[in-house]
C-alpha atoms as a PDB file:
ATOM      1  CA  MET A   1     114.479 174.627 188.873  1.00  0.00           C
ATOM      2  CA  PHE A   2     115.245 171.466 190.886  1.00  0.00           C
ATOM      3  CA  ALA A   3     117.086 173.079 193.785  1.00  0.00           C
ATOM      4  CA  PRO A   4     116.425 171.703 197.280  1.00  0.00           C
ATOM      5  CA  ALA A   5     114.812 174.997 198.342  1.00  0.00           C
ATOM      6  CA  ASP A   6     112.243 174.510 195.557  1.00  0.00           C
ATOM      7  CA  PHE A   7     111.097 171.283 197.225  1.00  0.00           C
ATOM      8  CA  LEU A   8     111.842 171.765 200.933  1.00  0.00           C
ATOM      9  CA  ASP A   9     111.564 174.491 203.511  1.00  0.00           C
ATOM     10  CA  LEU A  10     115.184 174.157 204.637  1.00  0.00           C
ATOM     11  CA  GLU A  11     114.526 176.207 207.768  1.00  0.00           C
ATOM     12  CA  HIS A  12     112.084 173.528 208.972  1.00  0.00           C
ATOM     13  CA  THR A  13     113.946 170.458 207.733  1.00  0.00           C
ATOM     14  CA  ALA A  14     115.601 168.240 210.331  1.00  0.00           C
ATOM     15  CA  HIS A  15     118.777 167.900 208.251  1.00  0.00           C
ATOM     16  CA  PRO A  16     119.364 171.045 206.202  1.00  0.00           C
ATOM     17  CA  LYS A  17     123.142 170.467 206.088  1.00  0.00           C
ATOM     18  CA  LEU A  18     122.509 167.493 203.818  1.00  0.00           C
ATOM     19  CA  PHE A  19     121.218 169.898 201.177  1.00  0.00           C
ATOM     20  CA  GLU A  20     123.856 172.628 201.515  1.00  0.00           C
ATOM     21  CA  ASN A  21     125.659 173.484 198.264  1.00  0.00           C
ATOM     22  CA  GLN A  22     123.520 171.062 196.236  1.00  0.00           C
ATOM     23  CA  ASN A  23     122.351 172.129 192.785  1.00  0.00           C
ATOM     24  CA  TYR A  24     119.616 169.511 192.581  1.00  0.00           C
ATOM     25  CA  VAL A  25     117.465 168.047 195.335  1.00  0.00           C
ATOM     26  CA  TRP A  26     118.539 164.488 194.427  1.00  0.00           C
ATOM     27  CA  ASP A  27     122.243 165.353 194.805  1.00  0.00           C
ATOM     28  CA  ALA A  28     121.742 164.863 198.532  1.00  0.00           C
ATOM     29  CA  LEU A  29     121.411 161.113 197.874  1.00  0.00           C
ATOM     30  CA  LYS A  30     125.130 160.965 197.051  1.00  0.00           C
ATOM     31  CA  GLN A  31     125.924 162.428 200.479  1.00  0.00           C
ATOM     32  CA  ILE A  32     123.733 160.219 202.665  1.00  0.00           C
ATOM     33  CA  ALA A  33     126.362 157.592 203.625  1.00  0.00           C
ATOM     34  CA  SER A  34     128.989 160.089 204.740  1.00  0.00           C
ATOM     35  CA  TYR A  35     126.356 162.352 206.312  1.00  0.00           C
ATOM     36  CA  LEU A  36     125.015 159.492 208.438  1.00  0.00           C
ATOM     37  CA  GLN A  37     128.520 158.493 209.540  1.00  0.00           C
ATOM     38  CA  PHE A  38     129.029 162.077 210.665  1.00  0.00           C
ATOM     39  CA  ARG A  39     125.628 162.454 212.397  1.00  0.00           C
ATOM     40  CA  LEU A  40     124.834 159.058 213.923  1.00  0.00           C
ATOM     41  CA  LYS A  41     126.230 158.151 217.304  1.00  0.00           C
ATOM     42  CA  PRO A  42     126.123 154.616 218.738  1.00  0.00           C
ATOM     43  CA  ALA A  43     123.568 154.290 221.509  1.00  0.00           C
ATOM     44  CA  VAL A  44     121.519 151.756 223.398  1.00  0.00           C
ATOM     45  CA  PHE A  45     117.867 152.692 223.795  1.00  0.00           C
ATOM     46  CA  GLY A  46     116.566 149.566 225.472  1.00  0.00           C
ATOM     47  CA  GLU A  47     117.359 146.930 228.048  1.00  0.00           C
ATOM     48  CA  LEU A  48     117.600 143.202 227.452  1.00  0.00           C
ATOM     49  CA  ILE A  49     115.955 141.136 230.160  1.00  0.00           C
ATOM     50  CA  GLY A  50     117.491 137.685 230.225  1.00  0.00           C
ATOM     51  CA  GLN A  51     120.110 136.533 227.745  1.00  0.00           C
ATOM     52  CA  ALA A  52     120.090 136.709 223.941  1.00  0.00           C
ATOM     53  CA  VAL A  53     120.762 133.368 222.248  1.00  0.00           C
ATOM     54  CA  HIS A  54     121.614 132.960 218.573  1.00  0.00           C
ATOM     55  CA  GLN A  55     119.819 129.952 217.162  1.00  0.00           C
ATOM     56  CA  GLN A  56     119.545 129.046 213.457  1.00  0.00           C
ATOM     57  CA  SER A  57     119.795 132.631 212.180  1.00  0.00           C
ATOM     58  CA  ARG A  58     117.272 133.827 214.756  1.00  0.00           C
ATOM     59  CA  VAL A  59     117.783 135.659 217.980  1.00  0.00           C
ATOM     60  CA  ARG A  60     115.441 134.958 220.867  1.00  0.00           C
ATOM     61  CA  ARG A  61     115.378 136.012 224.474  1.00  0.00           C
ATOM     62  CA  GLN A  62     116.198 133.440 227.088  1.00  0.00           C
ATOM     63  CA  ARG A  63     115.152 133.854 230.717  1.00  0.00           C
ATOM     64  CA  ASN A  64     116.600 132.118 233.747  1.00  0.00           C
ATOM     65  CA  GLY A  65     119.331 130.383 231.722  1.00  0.00           C
ATOM     66  CA  ARG A  66     116.878 128.369 229.571  1.00  0.00           C
END
């Protein structure tokens, strides 16, 4: 009645493993933290130009040492 397959097309879902062996669609919420630890990999997708400076709980870019 509330199975994940009743709500999602698990063949076209980006993360079907999250819903494996779940009786209810919301049971996947309990698995999110461990699932993300398993799936996410550290990565850098950008490039900092200049130098980052921490200033009163804000981060701003600094160019040319200023």
